[in-house]
């Protein structure tokens, strides 16, 4: 999947924020902070990942699986691959 440069900048900024959240989680664990703090940070990391997944998924659906993009056979193959990715994500 190819993203426009502007979208790539936006996605990379989100990933950098997620990296900060994961680093904060590591610090909490290293400092042996309370369960509530750790759980709250895990929820933040998961929320950020879910939001990123939703944005990329929406863009993918619009760009690669619309009726105007590619042949019906190619769209079917893309849909099969996407279904596999979503199933892995939901595990």
N, C-alpha and C. Protein backbone atom coordinates (compact mmCIF):
# COMPACT_ATOMS: atom_id res chain seq x y z
N UNK A 1 0.84 -1.16 0.00
CA UNK A 1 0.00 0.00 0.00
C UNK A 1 0.89 1.23 0.00
N UNK A 2 0.67 2.11 -0.92
CA UNK A 2 1.44 3.33 -1.02
C UNK A 2 0.61 4.48 -0.46
N UNK A 3 1.22 5.28 0.35
CA UNK A 3 0.52 6.43 0.93
C UNK A 3 1.10 7.70 0.35
N UNK A 4 0.24 8.71 0.25
CA UNK A 4 0.71 10.02 -0.17
C UNK A 4 1.72 10.51 0.86
N UNK A 5 2.66 11.30 0.41
CA UNK A 5 3.71 11.79 1.31
C UNK A 5 3.12 12.50 2.53
N UNK A 6 2.10 13.28 2.32
CA UNK A 6 1.45 14.00 3.43
C UNK A 6 0.87 13.01 4.44
N UNK A 7 0.21 11.96 3.95
CA UNK A 7 -0.36 10.97 4.85
C UNK A 7 0.74 10.20 5.56
N UNK A 8 1.83 9.93 4.86
CA UNK A 8 2.94 9.20 5.47
C UNK A 8 3.53 10.00 6.63
N UNK A 9 3.65 11.29 6.47
CA UNK A 9 4.17 12.15 7.53
C UNK A 9 3.23 12.06 8.74
N UNK A 10 1.94 12.12 8.50
CA UNK A 10 0.95 12.04 9.57
C UNK A 10 1.02 10.68 10.27
N UNK A 11 1.11 9.61 9.49
CA UNK A 11 1.18 8.26 10.08
C UNK A 11 2.45 8.08 10.89
N UNK A 12 3.56 8.57 10.37
CA UNK A 12 4.83 8.45 11.10
C UNK A 12 4.81 9.25 12.39
N UNK A 13 4.15 10.40 12.40
CA UNK A 13 4.02 11.19 13.62
C UNK A 13 3.23 10.41 14.67
N UNK A 14 2.20 9.71 14.23
CA UNK A 14 1.42 8.90 15.16
C UNK A 14 2.26 7.75 15.71
N UNK A 15 3.06 7.14 14.87
CA UNK A 15 3.92 6.04 15.31
C UNK A 15 4.93 6.55 16.34
N UNK A 16 5.47 7.74 16.12
CA UNK A 16 6.42 8.31 17.09
C UNK A 16 5.73 8.55 18.43
N UNK A 17 4.49 9.00 18.42
CA UNK A 17 3.75 9.18 19.67
C UNK A 17 3.54 7.82 20.34
N UNK A 18 3.26 6.80 19.55
CA UNK A 18 3.09 5.46 20.11
C UNK A 18 4.40 4.97 20.73
N UNK A 19 5.52 5.26 20.07
CA UNK A 19 6.81 4.87 20.63
C UNK A 19 7.00 5.51 22.00
N UNK A 20 6.62 6.77 22.13
CA UNK A 20 6.71 7.44 23.42
C UNK A 20 5.83 6.77 24.46
N UNK A 21 4.65 6.34 24.05
CA UNK A 21 3.76 5.65 24.99
C UNK A 21 4.34 4.31 25.43
N UNK A 22 4.94 3.58 24.51
CA UNK A 22 5.55 2.29 24.85
C UNK A 22 6.76 2.51 25.76
N UNK A 23 7.55 3.54 25.49
CA UNK A 23 8.69 3.85 26.36
C UNK A 23 8.21 4.22 27.76
N UNK A 24 7.11 4.96 27.84
CA UNK A 24 6.56 5.30 29.15
C UNK A 24 6.10 4.04 29.88
N UNK A 25 5.52 3.11 29.16
CA UNK A 25 5.10 1.84 29.75
C UNK A 25 6.31 1.08 30.30
N UNK A 26 7.39 1.06 29.53
CA UNK A 26 8.61 0.38 29.98
C UNK A 26 9.14 1.03 31.25
N UNK A 27 9.10 2.37 31.32
CA UNK A 27 9.57 3.07 32.53
C UNK A 27 8.70 2.70 33.74
N UNK A 28 7.39 2.65 33.51
CA UNK A 28 6.49 2.29 34.61
C UNK A 28 6.81 0.90 35.14
N UNK A 29 7.05 -0.02 34.24
CA UNK A 29 7.38 -1.38 34.66
C UNK A 29 8.74 -1.43 35.35
N UNK A 30 9.70 -0.72 34.79
CA UNK A 30 11.04 -0.68 35.38
C UNK A 30 11.00 -0.11 36.80
N UNK A 31 10.18 0.92 36.98
CA UNK A 31 10.05 1.57 38.29
C UNK A 31 9.11 0.80 39.22
N UNK A 32 8.56 -0.30 38.74
CA UNK A 32 7.62 -1.13 39.50
C UNK A 32 6.46 -0.30 40.04
N UNK A 33 5.91 0.51 39.16
CA UNK A 33 4.76 1.36 39.53
C UNK A 33 3.53 0.51 39.71
N UNK A 34 2.49 1.11 40.26
CA UNK A 34 1.24 0.41 40.57
C UNK A 34 0.53 -0.13 39.34
N UNK A 35 -0.26 -1.15 39.59
CA UNK A 35 -1.00 -1.81 38.51
C UNK A 35 -1.90 -0.83 37.75
N UNK A 36 -2.55 0.09 38.47
CA UNK A 36 -3.44 1.03 37.79
C UNK A 36 -2.69 1.88 36.78
N UNK A 37 -1.52 2.37 37.15
CA UNK A 37 -0.71 3.18 36.23
C UNK A 37 -0.31 2.35 35.00
N UNK A 38 0.12 1.13 35.24
CA UNK A 38 0.56 0.25 34.15
C UNK A 38 -0.62 -0.07 33.23
N UNK A 39 -1.75 -0.43 33.82
CA UNK A 39 -2.92 -0.77 33.01
C UNK A 39 -3.42 0.41 32.20
N UNK A 40 -3.37 1.61 32.80
CA UNK A 40 -3.79 2.80 32.07
C UNK A 40 -2.87 3.05 30.87
N UNK A 41 -1.58 2.84 31.05
CA UNK A 41 -0.64 3.06 29.95
C UNK A 41 -0.82 1.99 28.87
N UNK A 42 -1.07 0.75 29.27
CA UNK A 42 -1.33 -0.31 28.29
C UNK A 42 -2.57 0.05 27.47
N UNK A 43 -3.61 0.57 28.14
CA UNK A 43 -4.83 0.98 27.43
C UNK A 43 -4.53 2.09 26.43
N UNK A 44 -3.66 3.01 26.81
CA UNK A 44 -3.29 4.12 25.91
C UNK A 44 -2.56 3.58 24.67
N UNK A 45 -1.63 2.65 24.88
CA UNK A 45 -0.88 2.07 23.77
C UNK A 45 -1.84 1.32 22.85
N UNK A 46 -2.71 0.52 23.44
CA UNK A 46 -3.66 -0.25 22.63
C UNK A 46 -4.59 0.68 21.85
N UNK A 47 -5.08 1.72 22.50
CA UNK A 47 -5.95 2.68 21.82
C UNK A 47 -5.26 3.35 20.65
N UNK A 48 -4.01 3.70 20.84
CA UNK A 48 -3.25 4.35 19.76
C UNK A 48 -3.06 3.38 18.59
N UNK A 49 -2.74 2.13 18.89
CA UNK A 49 -2.55 1.13 17.83
C UNK A 49 -3.87 0.86 17.10
N UNK A 50 -4.94 0.78 17.84
CA UNK A 50 -6.25 0.54 17.22
C UNK A 50 -6.65 1.70 16.33
N UNK A 51 -6.40 2.91 16.78
CA UNK A 51 -6.73 4.09 15.98
C UNK A 51 -5.89 4.15 14.71
N UNK A 52 -4.61 3.83 14.82
CA UNK A 52 -3.74 3.80 13.65
C UNK A 52 -4.21 2.73 12.67
N UNK A 53 -4.55 1.55 13.18
CA UNK A 53 -5.04 0.47 12.34
C UNK A 53 -6.31 0.90 11.61
N UNK A 54 -7.22 1.55 12.31
CA UNK A 54 -8.47 1.99 11.70
C UNK A 54 -8.22 2.99 10.57
N UNK A 55 -7.31 3.93 10.80
CA UNK A 55 -7.01 4.92 9.76
C UNK A 55 -6.40 4.28 8.52
N UNK A 56 -5.41 3.41 8.72
CA UNK A 56 -4.75 2.77 7.58
C UNK A 56 -5.74 1.84 6.87
N UNK A 57 -6.55 1.14 7.62
CA UNK A 57 -7.54 0.24 7.04
C UNK A 57 -8.55 1.02 6.19
N UNK A 58 -9.03 2.13 6.71
CA UNK A 58 -9.98 2.95 5.95
C UNK A 58 -9.36 3.44 4.64
N UNK A 59 -8.13 3.91 4.73
CA UNK A 59 -7.44 4.38 3.53
C UNK A 59 -7.25 3.24 2.53
N UNK A 60 -6.89 2.07 3.03
CA UNK A 60 -6.69 0.91 2.17
C UNK A 60 -7.99 0.54 1.45
N UNK A 61 -9.08 0.52 2.18
CA UNK A 61 -10.36 0.18 1.58
C UNK A 61 -10.73 1.18 0.48
N UNK A 62 -10.52 2.44 0.74
CA UNK A 62 -10.86 3.47 -0.24
C UNK A 62 -9.98 3.40 -1.47
N UNK A 63 -8.68 3.18 -1.28
CA UNK A 63 -7.75 3.23 -2.40
C UNK A 63 -7.66 1.92 -3.18
N UNK A 64 -7.77 0.79 -2.50
CA UNK A 64 -7.46 -0.48 -3.15
C UNK A 64 -8.65 -1.39 -3.38
N UNK A 65 -9.74 -1.14 -2.71
CA UNK A 65 -10.87 -2.06 -2.85
C UNK A 65 -12.14 -1.39 -3.36
N UNK A 66 -12.02 -0.15 -3.81
CA UNK A 66 -13.19 0.50 -4.38
C UNK A 66 -13.49 -0.14 -5.74
N UNK A 67 -14.68 0.08 -6.23
CA UNK A 67 -15.07 -0.50 -7.52
C UNK A 67 -14.22 0.00 -8.68
N UNK A 68 -13.63 1.17 -8.54
CA UNK A 68 -12.84 1.74 -9.62
C UNK A 68 -11.39 1.28 -9.63
N UNK A 69 -10.93 0.60 -8.60
CA UNK A 69 -9.50 0.28 -8.52
C UNK A 69 -9.24 -1.15 -8.98
N UNK A 70 -8.50 -1.28 -10.07
CA UNK A 70 -8.05 -2.59 -10.55
C UNK A 70 -9.16 -3.50 -11.03
N UNK A 71 -8.78 -4.70 -11.37
CA UNK A 71 -9.73 -5.70 -11.85
C UNK A 71 -10.49 -6.32 -10.68
N UNK A 72 -11.59 -6.96 -11.01
CA UNK A 72 -12.37 -7.65 -9.98
C UNK A 72 -11.53 -8.75 -9.33
N UNK A 73 -10.71 -9.42 -10.12
CA UNK A 73 -9.86 -10.49 -9.59
C UNK A 73 -8.83 -9.92 -8.60
N UNK A 74 -8.24 -8.79 -8.96
CA UNK A 74 -7.25 -8.17 -8.07
C UNK A 74 -7.90 -7.71 -6.77
N UNK A 75 -9.10 -7.12 -6.87
CA UNK A 75 -9.82 -6.67 -5.68
C UNK A 75 -10.15 -7.86 -4.78
N UNK A 76 -10.54 -8.99 -5.38
CA UNK A 76 -10.85 -10.19 -4.60
C UNK A 76 -9.61 -10.68 -3.85
N UNK A 77 -8.46 -10.66 -4.52
CA UNK A 77 -7.22 -11.08 -3.87
C UNK A 77 -6.84 -10.11 -2.74
N UNK A 78 -6.98 -8.82 -3.00
CA UNK A 78 -6.70 -7.82 -1.96
C UNK A 78 -7.62 -8.01 -0.76
N UNK A 79 -8.89 -8.30 -1.02
CA UNK A 79 -9.85 -8.51 0.05
C UNK A 79 -9.48 -9.73 0.88
N UNK A 80 -9.06 -10.81 0.22
CA UNK A 80 -8.64 -12.02 0.92
C UNK A 80 -7.44 -11.72 1.83
N UNK A 81 -6.45 -10.99 1.31
CA UNK A 81 -5.27 -10.63 2.09
C UNK A 81 -5.65 -9.74 3.27
N UNK A 82 -6.54 -8.79 3.03
CA UNK A 82 -6.96 -7.88 4.08
C UNK A 82 -7.71 -8.63 5.18
N UNK A 83 -8.57 -9.56 4.80
CA UNK A 83 -9.30 -10.35 5.78
C UNK A 83 -8.33 -11.12 6.68
N UNK A 84 -7.27 -11.65 6.10
CA UNK A 84 -6.27 -12.38 6.87
C UNK A 84 -5.59 -11.44 7.88
N UNK A 85 -5.24 -10.25 7.46
CA UNK A 85 -4.60 -9.27 8.35
C UNK A 85 -5.53 -8.88 9.49
N UNK A 86 -6.79 -8.62 9.17
CA UNK A 86 -7.75 -8.22 10.20
C UNK A 86 -7.95 -9.35 11.21
N UNK A 87 -8.03 -10.58 10.73
CA UNK A 87 -8.18 -11.71 11.65
C UNK A 87 -6.98 -11.81 12.60
N UNK A 88 -5.79 -11.61 12.07
CA UNK A 88 -4.58 -11.64 12.91
C UNK A 88 -4.61 -10.51 13.93
N UNK A 89 -5.08 -9.34 13.52
CA UNK A 89 -5.13 -8.19 14.41
C UNK A 89 -6.12 -8.43 15.55
N UNK A 90 -7.22 -9.09 15.26
CA UNK A 90 -8.27 -9.27 16.26
C UNK A 90 -7.99 -10.40 17.25
N UNK A 91 -6.94 -11.17 17.01
CA UNK A 91 -6.62 -12.26 17.95
C UNK A 91 -6.13 -11.71 19.27
